[in-house]
Amino acid sequence: METINTALCSSGLSGMVFHAPFIDLHPGFKLEPITVNAEDGINLMQIIEGLLKAAMSKTL
């Protein structure tokens, strides 16, 4: 089975308790860790756009 590289753009209780464990347990998904601190000055949208561009370049 081919796995789907997955990034979880969620923080706090919902991402940690509800989303990540189920994605991580499913054999069809590969959960990629991403950490961002507000102090880093990194915009989450820039990270998401980069992930999408990388994914599209691999699939086309």
Protein backbone atom coordinates (compact mmCIF):
# COMPACT_ATOMS: atom_id res chain seq x y z
CA MET A 1 0.00 0.00 0.00
CA GLU A 2 1.30 3.44 -0.91
CA THR A 3 1.33 5.83 2.05
CA ILE A 4 0.05 9.39 2.02
CA ASN A 5 2.47 11.93 3.50
CA THR A 6 0.39 13.92 5.96
CA ALA A 7 1.01 17.16 7.83
CA LEU A 8 -1.26 18.14 10.69
CA CYS A 9 -1.84 21.89 10.85
CA SER A 10 -3.45 21.88 14.25
CA SER A 11 -2.25 22.75 17.68
CA GLY A 12 -3.41 22.22 21.17
CA LEU A 13 -5.66 19.57 22.58
CA SER A 14 -7.57 18.75 19.39
CA GLY A 15 -4.47 18.01 17.35
CA MET A 16 -2.65 16.18 20.10
CA VAL A 17 -5.54 14.06 21.40
CA PHE A 18 -7.98 13.61 18.53
CA HIS A 19 -6.26 14.00 15.15
CA ALA A 20 -2.61 12.96 15.45
CA PRO A 21 -3.10 9.59 17.19
CA PHE A 22 -5.61 8.36 14.60
CA ILE A 23 -3.55 9.56 11.63
CA ASP A 24 -0.41 8.03 13.14
CA LEU A 25 -2.08 4.64 13.72
CA HIS A 26 -3.49 4.30 10.20
CA PRO A 27 -1.05 2.39 7.96
CA GLY A 28 -2.09 4.42 4.91
CA PHE A 29 -0.72 7.69 6.30
CA LYS A 30 2.78 8.87 7.21
CA LEU A 31 2.50 11.70 9.72
CA GLU A 32 5.27 14.27 9.28
CA PRO A 33 6.15 16.35 12.35
CA ILE A 34 6.23 20.13 12.03
CA THR A 35 6.88 22.47 14.92
CA VAL A 36 6.44 26.22 14.80
CA ASN A 37 6.76 28.70 17.63
CA ALA A 38 5.19 32.14 17.41
CA GLU A 39 8.57 33.61 18.42
CA ASP A 40 10.18 32.19 15.27
CA GLY A 41 8.34 34.74 13.13
CA ILE A 42 7.27 32.00 10.74
CA ASN A 43 3.86 32.33 9.14
CA LEU A 44 1.96 29.02 9.19
CA MET A 45 0.53 29.80 5.75
CA GLN A 46 4.08 29.90 4.32
CA ILE A 47 4.69 26.41 5.68
CA ILE A 48 1.40 25.10 4.29
CA GLU A 49 2.12 26.64 0.87
CA GLY A 50 5.57 25.04 0.86
CA LEU A 51 4.14 21.64 1.74
CA LEU A 52 1.54 21.88 -1.01
CA LYS A 53 4.11 22.93 -3.63
CA ALA A 54 6.39 20.05 -2.66
CA ALA A 55 3.51 17.58 -2.82
CA MET A 56 2.38 18.83 -6.22
CA SER A 57 5.88 18.62 -7.69
CA LYS A 58 6.09 14.96 -6.65
CA THR A 59 2.72 13.99 -8.05
CA LEU A 60 2.80 15.76 -11.42
